[in-house]
Amino acid sequence: DTAAPGLMVLIDEAHLIFDGATAAIVRRIEQITRLIRSKGVGLIYVTQSPSDLPHIVAGQLATRIQHALRASTPQHHKALKAAAETMPGSINAA
C-alpha cells in the first residue's frame, strides 16, 4: 500500500481548463499532472462527463470516481460507455 498524500489539489469544473485547449496545452497539463503526482501530491479533476477530461490526462490519474453518470446525447452515451468499460471490474476491462 502507498501512503496517503499529504496534500490534495482539487480542480472543480475541469472542463473549463480543457475546452478549446490545443494539443500542446493538453500535453503540458499531462506533464504537469505527472510531475505533481510524482511528488506525492494527490490531484483530483472534477467534471460532469468523462469526455471532458482528455485521455492523455486521465491516464495519469491513479483513481477514478464516477457517480450518477447520465447520457443525454449520443456523444455523452459514447463517452459514458467508454468510461464504464475501463472501470475496474468491468466485463470489458482489460
N, C-alpha and C. Protein backbone atom coordinates (compact mmCIF):
# COMPACT_ATOMS: atom_id res chain seq x y z
N ASP A 1 0.83 -1.19 0.00
CA ASP A 1 0.00 0.00 0.00
C ASP A 1 0.87 1.25 0.00
N THR A 2 0.43 2.24 -0.74
CA THR A 2 1.15 3.51 -0.75
C THR A 2 0.57 4.43 0.30
N ALA A 3 1.39 5.32 0.79
CA ALA A 3 0.94 6.27 1.81
C ALA A 3 -0.02 7.28 1.19
N ALA A 4 -0.95 7.75 2.00
CA ALA A 4 -1.88 8.78 1.54
C ALA A 4 -1.10 10.07 1.29
N PRO A 5 -1.48 10.81 0.27
CA PRO A 5 -0.77 12.07 0.00
C PRO A 5 -0.95 13.07 1.14
N GLY A 6 0.06 13.86 1.38
CA GLY A 6 -0.02 14.89 2.41
C GLY A 6 -0.77 16.12 1.95
N LEU A 7 -0.93 16.24 0.64
CA LEU A 7 -1.62 17.39 0.06
C LEU A 7 -2.49 16.90 -1.09
N MET A 8 -3.70 17.41 -1.16
CA MET A 8 -4.61 17.09 -2.27
C MET A 8 -4.97 18.39 -2.98
N VAL A 9 -4.93 18.36 -4.29
CA VAL A 9 -5.34 19.50 -5.10
C VAL A 9 -6.60 19.09 -5.85
N LEU A 10 -7.67 19.83 -5.67
CA LEU A 10 -8.94 19.55 -6.33
C LEU A 10 -9.23 20.65 -7.34
N ILE A 11 -9.45 20.25 -8.57
CA ILE A 11 -9.76 21.20 -9.63
C ILE A 11 -11.20 20.94 -10.07
N ASP A 12 -12.11 21.78 -9.61
CA ASP A 12 -13.52 21.64 -9.96
C ASP A 12 -13.79 22.29 -11.31
N GLU A 13 -14.84 21.84 -11.96
CA GLU A 13 -15.20 22.34 -13.30
C GLU A 13 -14.01 22.23 -14.25
N ALA A 14 -13.38 21.06 -14.22
CA ALA A 14 -12.15 20.83 -15.00
C ALA A 14 -12.36 21.03 -16.50
N HIS A 15 -13.59 20.88 -16.96
CA HIS A 15 -13.83 21.08 -18.39
C HIS A 15 -13.43 22.49 -18.84
N LEU A 16 -13.45 23.45 -17.92
CA LEU A 16 -13.08 24.81 -18.28
C LEU A 16 -11.60 24.92 -18.65
N ILE A 17 -10.79 24.03 -18.12
CA ILE A 17 -9.36 24.01 -18.47
C ILE A 17 -9.16 23.48 -19.88
N PHE A 18 -9.95 22.46 -20.23
CA PHE A 18 -9.69 21.73 -21.47
C PHE A 18 -10.52 22.20 -22.66
N ASP A 19 -11.61 22.92 -22.44
CA ASP A 19 -12.42 23.41 -23.55
C ASP A 19 -11.58 24.32 -24.44
N GLY A 20 -11.42 23.94 -25.68
CA GLY A 20 -10.67 24.76 -26.63
C GLY A 20 -9.16 24.69 -26.47
N ALA A 21 -8.67 23.83 -25.59
CA ALA A 21 -7.23 23.72 -25.38
C ALA A 21 -6.57 23.06 -26.60
N THR A 22 -5.44 23.58 -26.99
CA THR A 22 -4.70 22.98 -28.10
C THR A 22 -4.05 21.69 -27.62
N ALA A 23 -3.60 20.89 -28.57
CA ALA A 23 -2.91 19.64 -28.22
C ALA A 23 -1.67 19.92 -27.38
N ALA A 24 -0.98 21.01 -27.69
CA ALA A 24 0.23 21.36 -26.93
C ALA A 24 -0.11 21.68 -25.48
N ILE A 25 -1.21 22.38 -25.26
CA ILE A 25 -1.61 22.71 -23.89
C ILE A 25 -2.01 21.45 -23.13
N VAL A 26 -2.75 20.57 -23.79
CA VAL A 26 -3.16 19.31 -23.14
C VAL A 26 -1.92 18.49 -22.77
N ARG A 27 -0.94 18.42 -23.67
CA ARG A 27 0.30 17.68 -23.36
C ARG A 27 1.02 18.31 -22.17
N ARG A 28 1.02 19.63 -22.10
CA ARG A 28 1.68 20.32 -20.98
C ARG A 28 0.95 20.02 -19.67
N ILE A 29 -0.38 20.03 -19.70
CA ILE A 29 -1.15 19.70 -18.50
C ILE A 29 -0.89 18.26 -18.09
N GLU A 30 -0.76 17.37 -19.06
CA GLU A 30 -0.44 15.97 -18.75
C GLU A 30 0.92 15.88 -18.07
N GLN A 31 1.90 16.63 -18.55
CA GLN A 31 3.23 16.64 -17.94
C GLN A 31 3.18 17.19 -16.52
N ILE A 32 2.43 18.27 -16.34
CA ILE A 32 2.30 18.88 -15.01
C ILE A 32 1.60 17.91 -14.06
N THR A 33 0.56 17.24 -14.55
CA THR A 33 -0.16 16.26 -13.74
C THR A 33 0.80 15.16 -13.29
N ARG A 34 1.59 14.64 -14.21
CA ARG A 34 2.55 13.58 -13.89
C ARG A 34 3.57 14.08 -12.86
N LEU A 35 4.07 15.28 -13.04
CA LEU A 35 5.06 15.85 -12.13
C LEU A 35 4.48 16.04 -10.73
N ILE A 36 3.28 16.58 -10.65
CA ILE A 36 2.63 16.79 -9.35
C ILE A 36 2.46 15.46 -8.63
N ARG A 37 1.96 14.45 -9.34
CA ARG A 37 1.75 13.14 -8.71
C ARG A 37 3.07 12.50 -8.30
N SER A 38 4.13 12.73 -9.06
CA SER A 38 5.43 12.12 -8.72
C SER A 38 5.99 12.68 -7.42
N LYS A 39 5.51 13.83 -7.02
CA LYS A 39 5.96 14.46 -5.77
C LYS A 39 5.08 14.05 -4.59
N GLY A 40 4.15 13.11 -4.83
CA GLY A 40 3.31 12.62 -3.74
C GLY A 40 2.10 13.47 -3.45
N VAL A 41 1.76 14.35 -4.36
CA VAL A 41 0.59 15.22 -4.18
C VAL A 41 -0.60 14.57 -4.88
N GLY A 42 -1.73 14.49 -4.20
CA GLY A 42 -2.94 13.96 -4.80
C GLY A 42 -3.58 15.01 -5.69
N LEU A 43 -4.12 14.59 -6.81
CA LEU A 43 -4.71 15.52 -7.77
C LEU A 43 -6.07 14.99 -8.19
N ILE A 44 -7.09 15.83 -8.07
CA ILE A 44 -8.45 15.44 -8.41
C ILE A 44 -9.00 16.43 -9.43
N TYR A 45 -9.42 15.92 -10.58
CA TYR A 45 -10.13 16.72 -11.57
C TYR A 45 -11.61 16.37 -11.44
N VAL A 46 -12.45 17.37 -11.22
CA VAL A 46 -13.89 17.15 -11.07
C VAL A 46 -14.59 17.72 -12.29
N THR A 47 -15.45 16.91 -12.89
CA THR A 47 -16.17 17.34 -14.08
C THR A 47 -17.47 16.55 -14.19
N GLN A 48 -18.36 16.99 -15.05
CA GLN A 48 -19.67 16.36 -15.20
C GLN A 48 -19.66 15.13 -16.11
N SER A 49 -18.71 15.07 -17.03
CA SER A 49 -18.70 13.99 -18.01
C SER A 49 -17.29 13.45 -18.20
N PRO A 50 -17.15 12.14 -18.34
CA PRO A 50 -15.82 11.58 -18.58
C PRO A 50 -15.15 12.13 -19.83
N SER A 51 -15.95 12.53 -20.80
CA SER A 51 -15.38 13.04 -22.05
C SER A 51 -14.76 14.43 -21.88
N ASP A 52 -15.00 15.09 -20.75
CA ASP A 52 -14.42 16.41 -20.51
C ASP A 52 -12.92 16.35 -20.25
N LEU A 53 -12.44 15.20 -19.83
CA LEU A 53 -11.04 15.04 -19.46
C LEU A 53 -10.31 14.28 -20.57
N PRO A 54 -9.31 14.89 -21.20
CA PRO A 54 -8.59 14.20 -22.27
C PRO A 54 -7.98 12.89 -21.77
N HIS A 55 -7.98 11.89 -22.61
CA HIS A 55 -7.47 10.57 -22.23
C HIS A 55 -6.02 10.62 -21.77
N ILE A 56 -5.22 11.47 -22.38
CA ILE A 56 -3.81 11.56 -22.01
C ILE A 56 -3.65 12.05 -20.56
N VAL A 57 -4.56 12.90 -20.11
CA VAL A 57 -4.52 13.39 -18.72
C VAL A 57 -5.15 12.36 -17.79
N ALA A 58 -6.28 11.81 -18.18
CA ALA A 58 -6.96 10.81 -17.34
C ALA A 58 -6.05 9.61 -17.09
N GLY A 59 -5.21 9.28 -18.05
CA GLY A 59 -4.29 8.16 -17.90
C GLY A 59 -3.25 8.37 -16.81
N GLN A 60 -3.04 9.60 -16.38
CA GLN A 60 -2.07 9.89 -15.34
C GLN A 60 -2.66 9.83 -13.93
N LEU A 61 -3.96 9.63 -13.84
CA LEU A 61 -4.63 9.65 -12.54
C LEU A 61 -4.75 8.23 -12.01
N ALA A 62 -4.43 8.05 -10.75
CA ALA A 62 -4.41 6.71 -10.16
C ALA A 62 -5.81 6.19 -9.83
N THR A 63 -6.72 7.07 -9.52
CA THR A 63 -8.05 6.66 -9.09
C THR A 63 -9.10 7.46 -9.84
N ARG A 64 -10.18 6.79 -10.17
CA ARG A 64 -11.29 7.46 -10.84
C ARG A 64 -12.57 7.14 -10.08
N ILE A 65 -13.32 8.18 -9.76
CA ILE A 65 -14.60 8.01 -9.09
C ILE A 65 -15.67 8.56 -10.01
N GLN A 66 -16.64 7.76 -10.30
CA GLN A 66 -17.74 8.20 -11.15
C GLN A 66 -19.04 7.96 -10.41
N HIS A 67 -19.91 8.94 -10.46
CA HIS A 67 -21.16 8.85 -9.71
C HIS A 67 -22.30 9.40 -10.54
N ALA A 68 -23.37 8.66 -10.61
CA ALA A 68 -24.62 9.11 -11.24
C ALA A 68 -24.40 9.69 -12.63
N LEU A 69 -23.68 8.96 -13.46
CA LEU A 69 -23.47 9.44 -14.82
C LEU A 69 -24.71 9.19 -15.66
N ARG A 70 -25.05 10.17 -16.47
CA ARG A 70 -26.21 10.06 -17.35
C ARG A 70 -25.81 10.50 -18.75
N ALA A 71 -26.37 9.83 -19.73
CA ALA A 71 -26.09 10.18 -21.12
C ALA A 71 -27.30 10.87 -21.70
N SER A 72 -27.15 12.14 -22.04
CA SER A 72 -28.27 12.90 -22.59
C SER A 72 -28.12 13.14 -24.09
N THR A 73 -26.95 12.84 -24.64
CA THR A 73 -26.71 13.00 -26.07
C THR A 73 -25.97 11.75 -26.57
N PRO A 74 -25.96 11.52 -27.86
CA PRO A 74 -25.18 10.39 -28.38
C PRO A 74 -23.70 10.47 -28.01
N GLN A 75 -23.14 11.67 -27.99
CA GLN A 75 -21.73 11.83 -27.62
C GLN A 75 -21.51 11.46 -26.15
N HIS A 76 -22.43 11.88 -25.28
CA HIS A 76 -22.32 11.52 -23.87
C HIS A 76 -22.47 10.01 -23.69
N HIS A 77 -23.37 9.40 -24.46
CA HIS A 77 -23.57 7.95 -24.36
C HIS A 77 -22.28 7.22 -24.73
N LYS A 78 -21.64 7.66 -25.80
CA LYS A 78 -20.39 7.03 -26.23
C LYS A 78 -19.30 7.20 -25.17
N ALA A 79 -19.19 8.41 -24.60
CA ALA A 79 -18.18 8.67 -23.56
C ALA A 79 -18.47 7.86 -22.30
N LEU A 80 -19.74 7.77 -21.94
CA LEU A 80 -20.12 7.00 -20.75
C LEU A 80 -19.81 5.52 -20.93
N LYS A 81 -20.12 5.00 -22.11
CA LYS A 81 -19.83 3.59 -22.39
C LYS A 81 -18.33 3.32 -22.33
N ALA A 82 -17.54 4.21 -22.92
CA ALA A 82 -16.08 4.04 -22.90
C ALA A 82 -15.55 4.11 -21.47
N ALA A 83 -16.06 5.03 -20.68
CA ALA A 83 -15.61 5.14 -19.28
C ALA A 83 -15.98 3.90 -18.49
N ALA A 84 -17.18 3.40 -18.68
CA ALA A 84 -17.63 2.22 -17.95
C ALA A 84 -16.79 0.99 -18.31
N GLU A 85 -16.40 0.89 -19.55
CA GLU A 85 -15.62 -0.27 -19.99
C GLU A 85 -14.21 -0.28 -19.41
N THR A 86 -13.73 0.86 -18.95
CA THR A 86 -12.38 0.90 -18.38
C THR A 86 -12.37 0.89 -16.86
N MET A 87 -13.53 0.83 -16.25
CA MET A 87 -13.60 0.77 -14.79
C MET A 87 -13.16 -0.61 -14.31
N PRO A 88 -12.44 -0.68 -13.19
CA PRO A 88 -12.06 -1.98 -12.64
C PRO A 88 -13.31 -2.83 -12.38
N GLY A 89 -13.23 -4.08 -12.74
CA GLY A 89 -14.36 -4.98 -12.54
C GLY A 89 -15.33 -5.00 -13.71
N SER A 90 -15.11 -4.15 -14.70
CA SER A 90 -15.97 -4.13 -15.87
C SER A 90 -15.76 -5.41 -16.67
N ILE A 91 -16.80 -5.89 -17.26
CA ILE A 91 -16.72 -7.09 -18.09
C ILE A 91 -15.73 -6.87 -19.23
N ASN A 92 -15.71 -5.66 -19.77
CA ASN A 92 -14.86 -5.37 -20.92
C ASN A 92 -13.51 -4.78 -20.54
N ALA A 93 -13.23 -4.64 -19.24
CA ALA A 93 -11.96 -4.03 -18.82
C ALA A 93 -10.80 -4.94 -19.20
N ALA A 94 -9.71 -4.30 -19.59
CA ALA A 94 -8.52 -5.06 -19.99
C ALA A 94 -7.82 -5.63 -18.79
